[in-house]
């Protein structure tokens, strides 16, 4: 797999013209790779692309992976940021989620990482599941604040088809997810973190001032990126590239010196809708002038017309040419974006 990844990197040499400003090792669980395997991937990247000396280099990891030995190995690599899947600081919740780590282990791994010199950390938390009372949720948020990490990501639990959770809900062995609970806990999250000095810079992401995730922010701002590995996606401003999820097919295709990607050609409407969806999620908002420049006057006219549908609600805030979600609007972000989409037959 590592050899195939390195080969794909080299085959995509022409995909990036300037310097690489961020590198993100996403999951699965890339932290299970050995130091030698990760170094081999870094060598391929550095031999293929020009990497900014200040590039943000993130690796996703589980708390149980961040042992003292693993931190010692990662310290020898260019990795400078961890995304840690904490999810909860309660053992009963972690057992319910089938997580491998324990609550104390979650807290210890953060402190151990900080002591090892890894200060740039982001924690993932989950809310909106049956075991999570509002008080437990407040305690989880407070614990994350006390750990003094500069970035926190939080997501409402969703039920994916063909999962154990979906099966237990279908058979009435588990209560269904309560949307009202999720909404209420999202409001608690916003209030608590903003009062603690975090900026709510994207629907699911909070950061101390100027500590935004570079890599993810680039997604939301529509900056080009390449995806490497099974299931990876890339984007060049015009088209999206998707690798197959099948590991064997991925490796076999590269073994024949072919890229395993599928190209999705994005229409002007597709690109406009994607801009609406991503920009509206951020604190930078949707720029009407950018719509006019990048998509044309007709798109601007239609957008202004669609915005009038929200005139009697307090979901949107206008500041010159920029449109932002209000706190109440953040509860309906997907719905608002869909109402502003323009489809082919409009």
C-alpha atoms as a PDB file:
ATOM      1  CA  UNK A   1       0.000   0.000   0.000  1.00  0.00           C
ATOM      2  CA  UNK A   2       2.779   2.447   0.896  1.00  0.00           C
ATOM      3  CA  UNK A   3       4.563   1.708  -2.382  1.00  0.00           C
ATOM      4  CA  UNK A   4       1.314   2.341  -4.289  1.00  0.00           C
ATOM      5  CA  UNK A   5       0.763   5.618  -2.441  1.00  0.00           C
ATOM      6  CA  UNK A   6       4.289   6.769  -3.283  1.00  0.00           C
ATOM      7  CA  UNK A   7       3.760   5.817  -6.911  1.00  0.00           C
ATOM      8  CA  UNK A   8       0.511   7.795  -7.107  1.00  0.00           C
ATOM      9  CA  UNK A   9       2.252  10.818  -5.593  1.00  0.00           C
ATOM     10  CA  UNK A  10       4.905  10.727  -8.317  1.00  0.00           C
ATOM     11  CA  UNK A  11       2.319  10.217 -11.072  1.00  0.00           C
ATOM     12  CA  UNK A  12       0.512  13.365  -9.933  1.00  0.00           C
ATOM     13  CA  UNK A  13       3.588  15.547 -10.112  1.00  0.00           C
ATOM     14  CA  UNK A  14       1.968  18.041 -12.488  1.00  0.00           C
ATOM     15  CA  UNK A  15      -1.174  18.539 -10.384  1.00  0.00           C
ATOM     16  CA  UNK A  16       0.387  21.236  -8.189  1.00  0.00           C
ATOM     17  CA  UNK A  17       2.095  24.250  -9.679  1.00  0.00           C
ATOM     18  CA  UNK A  18       3.241  26.150  -6.592  1.00  0.00           C
ATOM     19  CA  UNK A  19       4.303  25.121  -3.125  1.00  0.00           C
ATOM     20  CA  UNK A  20       2.407  22.642  -0.993  1.00  0.00           C
ATOM     21  CA  UNK A  21       1.020  24.539   1.988  1.00  0.00           C
ATOM     22  CA  UNK A  22      -0.583  21.652   3.865  1.00  0.00           C
ATOM     23  CA  UNK A  23      -0.427  17.867   4.059  1.00  0.00           C
ATOM     24  CA  UNK A  24      -3.119  15.816   5.772  1.00  0.00           C
ATOM     25  CA  UNK A  25      -2.896  12.122   6.617  1.00  0.00           C
ATOM     26  CA  UNK A  26      -6.531  11.117   7.006  1.00  0.00           C
ATOM     27  CA  UNK A  27      -8.279   7.964   8.131  1.00  0.00           C
ATOM     28  CA  UNK A  28      -8.662   5.057   8.465  1.00  0.00           C
ATOM     29  CA  UNK A  29      -5.986   5.402  11.083  1.00  0.00           C
ATOM     30  CA  UNK A  30      -2.723   6.522   9.463  1.00  0.00           C
ATOM     31  CA  UNK A  31      -0.966   6.628  12.837  1.00  0.00           C
ATOM     32  CA  UNK A  32      -0.714   2.828  12.761  1.00  0.00           C
ATOM     33  CA  UNK A  33       1.900   3.214  10.006  1.00  0.00           C
ATOM     34  CA  UNK A  34       5.478   2.756  11.157  1.00  0.00           C
ATOM     35  CA  UNK A  35       7.953   5.616  11.257  1.00  0.00           C
ATOM     36  CA  UNK A  36       9.761   4.082   8.263  1.00  0.00           C
ATOM     37  CA  UNK A  37       6.537   3.830   6.226  1.00  0.00           C
ATOM     38  CA  UNK A  38       5.558   7.434   6.964  1.00  0.00           C
ATOM     39  CA  UNK A  39       9.092   8.612   6.178  1.00  0.00           C
ATOM     40  CA  UNK A  40       8.920   6.818   2.826  1.00  0.00           C
ATOM     41  CA  UNK A  41       5.738   8.756   1.982  1.00  0.00           C
ATOM     42  CA  UNK A  42       7.326  12.036   3.069  1.00  0.00           C
ATOM     43  CA  UNK A  43      10.360  11.278   0.903  1.00  0.00           C
ATOM     44  CA  UNK A  44       8.079  10.741  -2.113  1.00  0.00           C
ATOM     45  CA  UNK A  45       6.273  14.015  -1.405  1.00  0.00           C
ATOM     46  CA  UNK A  46       9.479  16.005  -1.018  1.00  0.00           C
ATOM     47  CA  UNK A  47      11.045  14.483  -4.144  1.00  0.00           C
ATOM     48  CA  UNK A  48       7.908  15.276  -6.171  1.00  0.00           C
ATOM     49  CA  UNK A  49       6.686  18.632  -4.866  1.00  0.00           C
ATOM     50  CA  UNK A  50       8.040  21.810  -3.340  1.00  0.00           C
ATOM     51  CA  UNK A  51       6.770  21.879   0.253  1.00  0.00           C
ATOM     52  CA  UNK A  52       6.538  25.173   2.137  1.00  0.00           C
ATOM     53  CA  UNK A  53       8.874  25.164   5.131  1.00  0.00           C
ATOM     54  CA  UNK A  54       5.963  26.306   7.305  1.00  0.00           C
ATOM     55  CA  UNK A  55       3.445  23.825   5.886  1.00  0.00           C
ATOM     56  CA  UNK A  56       0.813  22.461   8.251  1.00  0.00           C
ATOM     57  CA  UNK A  57       1.303  18.684   8.367  1.00  0.00           C
ATOM     58  CA  UNK A  58      -1.502  16.853  10.177  1.00  0.00           C
ATOM     59  CA  UNK A  59      -1.981  13.206  11.028  1.00  0.00           C
ATOM     60  CA  UNK A  60      -5.248  11.735  12.305  1.00  0.00           C
ATOM     61  CA  UNK A  61      -4.782   9.499  15.309  1.00  0.00           C
ATOM     62  CA  UNK A  62      -6.654   7.658  18.026  1.00  0.00           C
ATOM     63  CA  UNK A  63      -5.760   8.264  21.696  1.00  0.00           C
ATOM     64  CA  UNK A  64      -4.566   4.687  22.172  1.00  0.00           C
ATOM     65  CA  UNK A  65      -2.023   5.150  19.365  1.00  0.00           C
ATOM     66  CA  UNK A  66      -0.253   8.096  21.005  1.00  0.00           C
ATOM     67  CA  UNK A  67       2.068   6.136  23.256  1.00  0.00           C
ATOM     68  CA  UNK A  68       5.364   7.585  24.442  1.00  0.00           C
ATOM     69  CA  UNK A  69       7.172   5.450  21.863  1.00  0.00           C
ATOM     70  CA  UNK A  70       4.859   6.558  19.033  1.00  0.00           C
ATOM     71  CA  UNK A  71       5.345  10.210  19.966  1.00  0.00           C
ATOM     72  CA  UNK A  72       9.101   9.690  19.933  1.00  0.00           C
ATOM     73  CA  UNK A  73       8.848   8.258  16.410  1.00  0.00           C
ATOM     74  CA  UNK A  74       6.547  11.042  15.160  1.00  0.00           C
ATOM     75  CA  UNK A  75       8.967  13.602  16.552  1.00  0.00           C
ATOM     76  CA  UNK A  76      11.495  12.377  13.969  1.00  0.00           C
ATOM     77  CA  UNK A  77       9.066  13.164  11.140  1.00  0.00           C
ATOM     78  CA  UNK A  78       7.821  16.487   9.696  1.00  0.00           C
ATOM     79  CA  UNK A  79       4.397  15.994  11.356  1.00  0.00           C
ATOM     80  CA  UNK A  80       3.495  19.126  13.343  1.00  0.00           C
ATOM     81  CA  UNK A  81      -0.224  18.711  14.077  1.00  0.00           C
ATOM     82  CA  UNK A  82      -2.442  15.927  15.426  1.00  0.00           C
ATOM     83  CA  UNK A  83      -6.164  15.433  14.893  1.00  0.00           C
ATOM     84  CA  UNK A  84      -7.181  13.226  17.826  1.00  0.00           C
ATOM     85  CA  UNK A  85     -10.433  11.262  17.849  1.00  0.00           C
ATOM     86  CA  UNK A  86     -11.393  11.820  21.483  1.00  0.00           C
ATOM     87  CA  UNK A  87     -15.211  11.705  20.936  1.00  0.00           C
ATOM     88  CA  UNK A  88     -16.011  11.718  24.688  1.00  0.00           C
ATOM     89  CA  UNK A  89     -14.372  11.832  28.106  1.00  0.00           C
ATOM     90  CA  UNK A  90     -16.863   9.293  29.526  1.00  0.00           C
ATOM     91  CA  UNK A  91     -16.047   5.576  29.512  1.00  0.00           C
ATOM     92  CA  UNK A  92     -19.669   4.482  29.125  1.00  0.00           C
ATOM     93  CA  UNK A  93     -20.019   6.645  26.025  1.00  0.00           C
ATOM     94  CA  UNK A  94     -16.799   5.298  24.495  1.00  0.00           C
ATOM     95  CA  UNK A  95     -17.959   1.721  25.127  1.00  0.00           C
ATOM     96  CA  UNK A  96     -21.306   2.541  23.469  1.00  0.00           C
ATOM     97  CA  UNK A  97     -19.396   3.929  20.453  1.00  0.00           C
ATOM     98  CA  UNK A  98     -17.159   0.810  20.318  1.00  0.00           C
ATOM     99  CA  UNK A  99     -14.068   2.959  20.742  1.00  0.00           C
ATOM    100  CA  UNK A 100     -10.818   1.226  21.717  1.00  0.00           C
ATOM    101  CA  UNK A 101      -9.618   3.858  24.205  1.00  0.00           C
ATOM    102  CA  UNK A 102     -10.752   4.860  27.677  1.00  0.00           C
ATOM    103  CA  UNK A 103     -11.583   8.326  28.971  1.00  0.00           C
ATOM    104  CA  UNK A 104      -8.432   8.681  31.077  1.00  0.00           C
ATOM    105  CA  UNK A 105      -6.358   7.536  28.120  1.00  0.00           C
ATOM    106  CA  UNK A 106      -7.920  10.320  26.026  1.00  0.00           C
ATOM    107  CA  UNK A 107      -6.881  12.972  28.533  1.00  0.00           C
ATOM    108  CA  UNK A 108      -3.447  11.467  29.107  1.00  0.00           C
ATOM    109  CA  UNK A 109      -2.576  11.277  25.405  1.00  0.00           C
ATOM    110  CA  UNK A 110      -3.220  15.004  24.973  1.00  0.00           C
ATOM    111  CA  UNK A 111      -1.007  15.957  27.891  1.00  0.00           C
ATOM    112  CA  UNK A 112       1.643  13.463  26.761  1.00  0.00           C
ATOM    113  CA  UNK A 113       1.609  14.950  23.256  1.00  0.00           C
ATOM    114  CA  UNK A 114       1.932  18.482  24.616  1.00  0.00           C
ATOM    115  CA  UNK A 115       4.833  17.438  26.855  1.00  0.00           C
ATOM    116  CA  UNK A 116       6.510  15.939  23.768  1.00  0.00           C
ATOM    117  CA  UNK A 117       6.298  19.314  22.010  1.00  0.00           C
ATOM    118  CA  UNK A 118       3.168  18.768  19.922  1.00  0.00           C
ATOM    119  CA  UNK A 119       1.154  21.839  20.883  1.00  0.00           C
ATOM    120  CA  UNK A 120      -0.841  22.175  17.652  1.00  0.00           C
ATOM    121  CA  UNK A 121      -3.674  19.761  18.380  1.00  0.00           C
ATOM    122  CA  UNK A 122      -7.307  19.456  17.407  1.00  0.00           C
ATOM    123  CA  UNK A 123      -9.798  17.261  19.255  1.00  0.00           C
ATOM    124  CA  UNK A 124     -12.881  15.608  17.771  1.00  0.00           C
ATOM    125  CA  UNK A 125     -15.991  15.444  19.959  1.00  0.00           C
ATOM    126  CA  UNK A 126     -19.415  13.953  19.204  1.00  0.00           C
ATOM    127  CA  UNK A 127     -22.811  15.091  20.471  1.00  0.00           C
ATOM    128  CA  UNK A 128     -26.463  14.205  19.961  1.00  0.00           C
ATOM    129  CA  UNK A 129     -26.382  10.527  21.006  1.00  0.00           C
ATOM    130  CA  UNK A 130     -28.756   8.970  23.563  1.00  0.00           C
ATOM    131  CA  UNK A 131     -26.266   8.586  26.426  1.00  0.00           C
ATOM    132  CA  UNK A 132     -25.155  12.215  26.301  1.00  0.00           C
ATOM    133  CA  UNK A 133     -27.046  14.437  28.727  1.00  0.00           C
ATOM    134  CA  UNK A 134     -26.610  18.195  28.423  1.00  0.00           C
ATOM    135  CA  UNK A 135     -24.543  18.190  31.628  1.00  0.00           C
ATOM    136  CA  UNK A 136     -22.206  15.495  30.309  1.00  0.00           C
ATOM    137  CA  UNK A 137     -21.868  17.469  27.080  1.00  0.00           C
ATOM    138  CA  UNK A 138     -20.962  20.614  29.022  1.00  0.00           C
ATOM    139  CA  UNK A 139     -18.375  18.597  30.962  1.00  0.00           C
ATOM    140  CA  UNK A 140     -16.868  17.216  27.735  1.00  0.00           C
ATOM    141  CA  UNK A 141     -16.527  20.723  26.304  1.00  0.00           C
ATOM    142  CA  UNK A 142     -15.074  22.051  29.559  1.00  0.00           C
ATOM    143  CA  UNK A 143     -12.504  19.245  29.651  1.00  0.00           C
ATOM    144  CA  UNK A 144     -11.412  20.086  26.104  1.00  0.00           C
ATOM    145  CA  UNK A 145     -11.057  23.757  27.079  1.00  0.00           C
ATOM    146  CA  UNK A 146      -9.005  22.870  30.155  1.00  0.00           C
ATOM    147  CA  UNK A 147      -6.623  20.811  28.021  1.00  0.00           C
ATOM    148  CA  UNK A 148      -5.667  24.093  26.317  1.00  0.00           C
ATOM    149  CA  UNK A 149      -5.826  22.846  22.734  1.00  0.00           C
ATOM    150  CA  UNK A 150      -6.086  25.558  20.053  1.00  0.00           C
ATOM    151  CA  UNK A 151      -8.701  23.782  17.926  1.00  0.00           C
ATOM    152  CA  UNK A 152     -11.844  21.718  18.565  1.00  0.00           C
ATOM    153  CA  UNK A 153     -14.062  19.950  16.015  1.00  0.00           C
ATOM    154  CA  UNK A 154     -17.498  18.708  17.041  1.00  0.00           C
ATOM    155  CA  UNK A 155     -20.002  16.684  15.048  1.00  0.00           C
ATOM    156  CA  UNK A 156     -23.557  15.525  15.615  1.00  0.00           C
ATOM    157  CA  UNK A 157     -23.856  11.758  15.537  1.00  0.00           C
ATOM    158  CA  UNK A 158     -25.342  10.521  12.279  1.00  0.00           C
ATOM    159  CA  UNK A 159     -26.642   7.037  11.582  1.00  0.00           C
ATOM    160  CA  UNK A 160     -25.009   5.544   8.510  1.00  0.00           C
ATOM    161  CA  UNK A 161     -26.851   2.810   6.559  1.00  0.00           C
ATOM    162  CA  UNK A 162     -25.778  -0.815   7.088  1.00  0.00           C
ATOM    163  CA  UNK A 163     -24.055  -0.098  10.409  1.00  0.00           C
ATOM    164  CA  UNK A 164     -24.568  -1.803  13.762  1.00  0.00           C
ATOM    165  CA  UNK A 165     -26.231   1.350  15.095  1.00  0.00           C
ATOM    166  CA  UNK A 166     -28.653   1.497  12.171  1.00  0.00           C
ATOM    167  CA  UNK A 167     -29.521  -2.158  12.757  1.00  0.00           C
ATOM    168  CA  UNK A 168     -30.209  -1.708  16.482  1.00  0.00           C
ATOM    169  CA  UNK A 169     -32.390   1.349  15.838  1.00  0.00           C
ATOM    170  CA  UNK A 170     -34.334  -0.491  13.147  1.00  0.00           C
ATOM    171  CA  UNK A 171     -34.987  -3.375  15.555  1.00  0.00           C
ATOM    172  CA  UNK A 172     -35.992  -0.944  18.325  1.00  0.00           C
ATOM    173  CA  UNK A 173     -33.118  -2.032  20.564  1.00  0.00           C
ATOM    174  CA  UNK A 174     -31.819   1.519  20.511  1.00  0.00           C
ATOM    175  CA  UNK A 175     -33.689   4.821  20.558  1.00  0.00           C
ATOM    176  CA  UNK A 176     -33.436   6.803  17.311  1.00  0.00           C
ATOM    177  CA  UNK A 177     -31.271   9.904  17.170  1.00  0.00           C
ATOM    178  CA  UNK A 178     -33.132  12.924  18.529  1.00  0.00           C
ATOM    179  CA  UNK A 179     -32.750  15.958  16.247  1.00  0.00           C
ATOM    180  CA  UNK A 180     -33.944  18.314  18.976  1.00  0.00           C
ATOM    181  CA  UNK A 181     -31.255  17.011  21.315  1.00  0.00           C
ATOM    182  CA  UNK A 182     -28.597  17.521  18.643  1.00  0.00           C
ATOM    183  CA  UNK A 183     -29.762  21.089  17.976  1.00  0.00           C
ATOM    184  CA  UNK A 184     -29.831  21.983  21.673  1.00  0.00           C
ATOM    185  CA  UNK A 185     -26.355  20.561  22.239  1.00  0.00           C
ATOM    186  CA  UNK A 186     -25.049  22.420  19.191  1.00  0.00           C
ATOM    187  CA  UNK A 187     -26.256  25.676  20.769  1.00  0.00           C
ATOM    188  CA  UNK A 188     -24.547  24.714  24.044  1.00  0.00           C
ATOM    189  CA  UNK A 189     -21.355  24.046  22.076  1.00  0.00           C
ATOM    190  CA  UNK A 190     -21.428  27.421  20.322  1.00  0.00           C
ATOM    191  CA  UNK A 191     -22.111  29.384  23.505  1.00  0.00           C
ATOM    192  CA  UNK A 192     -19.525  27.571  25.604  1.00  0.00           C
ATOM    193  CA  UNK A 193     -16.632  27.714  23.145  1.00  0.00           C
ATOM    194  CA  UNK A 194     -17.202  31.278  21.965  1.00  0.00           C
ATOM    195  CA  UNK A 195     -17.288  32.411  25.613  1.00  0.00           C
ATOM    196  CA  UNK A 196     -13.980  30.557  26.104  1.00  0.00           C
ATOM    197  CA  UNK A 197     -12.306  32.608  23.365  1.00  0.00           C
ATOM    198  CA  UNK A 198     -12.733  30.270  20.407  1.00  0.00           C
ATOM    199  CA  UNK A 199     -13.866  31.541  17.011  1.00  0.00           C
ATOM    200  CA  UNK A 200     -16.647  29.580  15.331  1.00  0.00           C
ATOM    201  CA  UNK A 201     -15.020  29.734  11.924  1.00  0.00           C
ATOM    202  CA  UNK A 202     -16.857  26.788  10.318  1.00  0.00           C
ATOM    203  CA  UNK A 203     -20.049  24.974  11.299  1.00  0.00           C
ATOM    204  CA  UNK A 204     -18.222  22.072  12.979  1.00  0.00           C
ATOM    205  CA  UNK A 205     -14.942  23.799  13.823  1.00  0.00           C
ATOM    206  CA  UNK A 206     -13.753  26.182  16.507  1.00  0.00           C
ATOM    207  CA  UNK A 207     -10.286  27.671  16.899  1.00  0.00           C
ATOM    208  CA  UNK A 208      -8.421  30.161  18.995  1.00  0.00           C
ATOM    209  CA  UNK A 209      -7.763  33.353  16.950  1.00  0.00           C
ATOM    210  CA  UNK A 210      -5.639  32.631  13.864  1.00  0.00           C
ATOM    211  CA  UNK A 211      -5.352  28.932  14.727  1.00  0.00           C
ATOM    212  CA  UNK A 212      -7.696  27.714  11.992  1.00  0.00           C
ATOM    213  CA  UNK A 213      -6.932  24.394  10.324  1.00  0.00           C
ATOM    214  CA  UNK A 214      -5.051  25.386   7.170  1.00  0.00           C
ATOM    215  CA  UNK A 215      -5.885  22.214   5.268  1.00  0.00           C
ATOM    216  CA  UNK A 216      -9.612  22.180   5.958  1.00  0.00           C
ATOM    217  CA  UNK A 217      -9.924  25.930   5.453  1.00  0.00           C
ATOM    218  CA  UNK A 218      -8.482  25.442   1.971  1.00  0.00           C
ATOM    219  CA  UNK A 219     -11.337  23.016   1.212  1.00  0.00           C
ATOM    220  CA  UNK A 220     -13.959  25.518   2.266  1.00  0.00           C
ATOM    221  CA  UNK A 221     -12.312  28.300   0.296  1.00  0.00           C
ATOM    222  CA  UNK A 222     -12.203  26.204  -2.883  1.00  0.00           C
ATOM    223  CA  UNK A 223      -8.413  25.982  -3.143  1.00  0.00           C
ATOM    224  CA  UNK A 224      -7.038  23.138  -5.292  1.00  0.00           C
ATOM    225  CA  UNK A 225      -5.858  19.962  -3.584  1.00  0.00           C
ATOM    226  CA  UNK A 226      -4.870  16.457  -4.598  1.00  0.00           C
ATOM    227  CA  UNK A 227      -6.020  13.266  -2.917  1.00  0.00           C
ATOM    228  CA  UNK A 228      -3.740  10.249  -2.582  1.00  0.00           C
ATOM    229  CA  UNK A 229      -4.718   6.721  -1.575  1.00  0.00           C
ATOM    230  CA  UNK A 230      -7.896   4.589  -1.599  1.00  0.00           C
ATOM    231  CA  UNK A 231     -11.121   6.640  -1.293  1.00  0.00           C
ATOM    232  CA  UNK A 232      -9.196   9.911  -1.621  1.00  0.00           C
ATOM    233  CA  UNK A 233     -10.717  12.868  -3.474  1.00  0.00           C
ATOM    234  CA  UNK A 234      -8.982  15.715  -5.281  1.00  0.00           C
ATOM    235  CA  UNK A 235     -10.188  19.011  -6.729  1.00  0.00           C
ATOM    236  CA  UNK A 236      -8.656  21.363  -9.293  1.00  0.00           C
ATOM    237  CA  UNK A 237     -11.280  24.102  -9.376  1.00  0.00           C
ATOM    238  CA  UNK A 238     -13.025  22.569 -12.397  1.00  0.00           C
ATOM    239  CA  UNK A 239     -13.218  18.830 -11.782  1.00  0.00           C
ATOM    240  CA  UNK A 240     -13.224  16.381  -8.890  1.00  0.00           C
ATOM    241  CA  UNK A 241     -11.104  13.251  -8.842  1.00  0.00           C
ATOM    242  CA  UNK A 242     -12.080  10.175  -6.808  1.00  0.00           C
ATOM    243  CA  UNK A 243     -10.049   7.056  -6.081  1.00  0.00           C
ATOM    244  CA  UNK A 244     -11.802   3.706  -5.532  1.00  0.00           C
ATOM    245  CA  UNK A 245     -12.354   2.539  -1.949  1.00  0.00           C
ATOM    246  CA  UNK A 246     -11.175  -0.978  -2.839  1.00  0.00           C
ATOM    247  CA  UNK A 247      -7.568  -1.412  -1.664  1.00  0.00           C
ATOM    248  CA  UNK A 248      -6.762  -4.290  -3.989  1.00  0.00           C
ATOM    249  CA  UNK A 249      -8.137  -2.467  -7.043  1.00  0.00           C
ATOM    250  CA  UNK A 250      -6.220   0.681  -6.080  1.00  0.00           C
ATOM    251  CA  UNK A 251      -2.920  -1.197  -5.824  1.00  0.00           C
ATOM    252  CA  UNK A 252      -3.544  -3.285  -8.964  1.00  0.00           C
ATOM    253  CA  UNK A 253      -4.367  -0.238 -11.113  1.00  0.00           C
ATOM    254  CA  UNK A 254      -1.226   1.603 -10.057  1.00  0.00           C
ATOM    255  CA  UNK A 255       0.717  -1.610 -10.713  1.00  0.00           C
ATOM    256  CA  UNK A 256      -0.310  -1.175 -14.358  1.00  0.00           C
ATOM    257  CA  UNK A 257       0.989   2.412 -14.308  1.00  0.00           C
ATOM    258  CA  UNK A 258      -2.516   3.857 -14.413  1.00  0.00           C
ATOM    259  CA  UNK A 259      -4.106   6.301 -12.036  1.00  0.00           C
ATOM    260  CA  UNK A 260      -7.089   4.643 -10.343  1.00  0.00           C
ATOM    261  CA  UNK A 261      -9.192   7.794 -10.252  1.00  0.00           C
ATOM    262  CA  UNK A 262     -12.628   8.574 -11.642  1.00  0.00           C
ATOM    263  CA  UNK A 263     -13.059  12.114 -12.951  1.00  0.00           C
ATOM    264  CA  UNK A 264     -16.268  13.981 -12.181  1.00  0.00           C
ATOM    265  CA  UNK A 265     -16.634  16.941 -14.507  1.00  0.00           C
ATOM    266  CA  UNK A 266     -18.302  19.769 -12.614  1.00  0.00           C
ATOM    267  CA  UNK A 267     -20.680  22.037 -14.506  1.00  0.00           C
ATOM    268  CA  UNK A 268     -20.851  25.747 -13.785  1.00  0.00           C
ATOM    269  CA  UNK A 269     -23.945  25.025 -11.697  1.00  0.00           C
ATOM    270  CA  UNK A 270     -22.098  22.320  -9.776  1.00  0.00           C
ATOM    271  CA  UNK A 271     -19.246  24.678  -8.985  1.00  0.00           C
ATOM    272  CA  UNK A 272     -21.641  27.435  -7.957  1.00  0.00           C
ATOM    273  CA  UNK A 273     -23.592  25.127  -5.656  1.00  0.00           C
ATOM    274  CA  UNK A 274     -20.387  23.860  -4.115  1.00  0.00           C
ATOM    275  CA  UNK A 275     -19.250  27.433  -3.484  1.00  0.00           C
ATOM    276  CA  UNK A 276     -22.566  28.214  -1.766  1.00  0.00           C
ATOM    277  CA  UNK A 277     -22.405  25.058   0.345  1.00  0.00           C
ATOM    278  CA  UNK A 278     -18.812  25.536   1.518  1.00  0.00           C
ATOM    279  CA  UNK A 279     -18.622  29.327   1.875  1.00  0.00           C
ATOM    280  CA  UNK A 280     -21.867  29.630   3.796  1.00  0.00           C
ATOM    281  CA  UNK A 281     -20.511  27.220   6.424  1.00  0.00           C
ATOM    282  CA  UNK A 282     -17.656  29.586   7.296  1.00  0.00           C
ATOM    283  CA  UNK A 283     -17.306  32.826   9.210  1.00  0.00           C
ATOM    284  CA  UNK A 284     -16.083  34.436   5.971  1.00  0.00           C
ATOM    285  CA  UNK A 285     -19.477  33.852   4.418  1.00  0.00           C
ATOM    286  CA  UNK A 286     -20.683  33.976   0.818  1.00  0.00           C
ATOM    287  CA  UNK A 287     -19.334  36.844  -1.278  1.00  0.00           C
ATOM    288  CA  UNK A 288     -21.871  38.197  -3.774  1.00  0.00           C
ATOM    289  CA  UNK A 289     -19.142  39.985  -5.688  1.00  0.00           C
ATOM    290  CA  UNK A 290     -17.269  36.700  -6.105  1.00  0.00           C
ATOM    291  CA  UNK A 291     -20.464  35.122  -7.459  1.00  0.00           C
ATOM    292  CA  UNK A 292     -20.693  37.899 -10.039  1.00  0.00           C
ATOM    293  CA  UNK A 293     -17.028  37.598 -11.005  1.00  0.00           C
ATOM    294  CA  UNK A 294     -16.692  33.797 -11.040  1.00  0.00           C
ATOM    295  CA  UNK A 295     -20.153  32.716 -12.187  1.00  0.00           C
ATOM    296  CA  UNK A 296     -21.770  35.691 -13.895  1.00  0.00           C
ATOM    297  CA  UNK A 297     -24.568  38.198 -13.531  1.00  0.00           C
ATOM    298  CA  UNK A 298     -27.376  35.648 -13.955  1.00  0.00           C
ATOM    299  CA  UNK A 299     -26.144  33.662 -10.947  1.00  0.00           C
ATOM    300  CA  UNK A 300     -25.897  36.850  -8.902  1.00  0.00           C
ATOM    301  CA  UNK A 301     -29.438  37.878  -9.850  1.00  0.00           C
ATOM    302  CA  UNK A 302     -30.841  34.450  -8.995  1.00  0.00           C
ATOM    303  CA  UNK A 303     -28.969  34.390  -5.678  1.00  0.00           C
ATOM    304  CA  UNK A 304     -30.326  37.793  -4.654  1.00  0.00           C
ATOM    305  CA  UNK A 305     -33.817  36.610  -5.578  1.00  0.00           C
ATOM    306  CA  UNK A 306     -33.446  33.435  -3.506  1.00  0.00           C
ATOM    307  CA  UNK A 307     -32.102  35.380  -0.549  1.00  0.00           C
ATOM    308  CA  UNK A 308     -35.412  37.230  -0.352  1.00  0.00           C
ATOM    309  CA  UNK A 309     -37.021  33.955   0.762  1.00  0.00           C
ATOM    310  CA  UNK A 310     -35.258  34.375   4.097  1.00  0.00           C
ATOM    311  CA  UNK A 311     -36.310  37.987   4.637  1.00  0.00           C
ATOM    312  CA  UNK A 312     -38.737  37.113   7.441  1.00  0.00           C
ATOM    313  CA  UNK A 313     -36.227  34.928   9.294  1.00  0.00           C
ATOM    314  CA  UNK A 314     -33.150  35.781  11.349  1.00  0.00           C
ATOM    315  CA  UNK A 315     -31.011  33.108   9.760  1.00  0.00           C
ATOM    316  CA  UNK A 316     -28.778  35.328   7.600  1.00  0.00           C
ATOM    317  CA  UNK A 317     -26.743  38.462   8.223  1.00  0.00           C
ATOM    318  CA  UNK A 318     -25.705  40.798   5.399  1.00  0.00           C
ATOM    319  CA  UNK A 319     -22.552  42.901   5.606  1.00  0.00           C
ATOM    320  CA  UNK A 320     -22.002  44.710   2.333  1.00  0.00           C
ATOM    321  CA  UNK A 321     -21.523  42.053  -0.332  1.00  0.00           C
ATOM    322  CA  UNK A 322     -21.051  39.262   2.204  1.00  0.00           C
ATOM    323  CA  UNK A 323     -23.773  36.985   3.541  1.00  0.00           C
ATOM    324  CA  UNK A 324     -23.256  35.087   6.808  1.00  0.00           C
ATOM    325  CA  UNK A 325     -25.223  32.623   8.885  1.00  0.00           C
ATOM    326  CA  UNK A 326     -26.540  33.972  12.172  1.00  0.00           C
ATOM    327  CA  UNK A 327     -26.312  31.703  15.219  1.00  0.00           C
ATOM    328  CA  UNK A 328     -29.878  30.567  14.573  1.00  0.00           C
ATOM    329  CA  UNK A 329     -29.055  30.139  10.894  1.00  0.00           C
ATOM    330  CA  UNK A 330     -26.241  27.728  11.749  1.00  0.00           C
ATOM    331  CA  UNK A 331     -28.905  25.297  12.932  1.00  0.00           C
ATOM    332  CA  UNK A 332     -30.292  25.217   9.387  1.00  0.00           C
ATOM    333  CA  UNK A 333     -27.095  25.551   7.337  1.00  0.00           C
ATOM    334  CA  UNK A 334     -27.750  22.661   4.944  1.00  0.00           C
ATOM    335  CA  UNK A 335     -31.352  23.708   4.337  1.00  0.00           C
ATOM    336  CA  UNK A 336     -30.369  27.325   3.657  1.00  0.00           C
ATOM    337  CA  UNK A 337     -27.626  26.272   1.244  1.00  0.00           C
ATOM    338  CA  UNK A 338     -29.998  23.956  -0.634  1.00  0.00           C
ATOM    339  CA  UNK A 339     -32.501  26.785  -1.026  1.00  0.00           C
ATOM    340  CA  UNK A 340     -29.774  28.903  -2.624  1.00  0.00           C
ATOM    341  CA  UNK A 341     -28.652  26.176  -5.041  1.00  0.00           C
ATOM    342  CA  UNK A 342     -29.317  26.646  -8.723  1.00  0.00           C
ATOM    343  CA  UNK A 343     -30.195  23.476 -10.619  1.00  0.00           C
ATOM    344  CA  UNK A 344     -29.926  22.941 -14.358  1.00  0.00           C
ATOM    345  CA  UNK A 345     -33.624  23.441 -15.115  1.00  0.00           C
ATOM    346  CA  UNK A 346     -34.013  26.638 -13.038  1.00  0.00           C
END
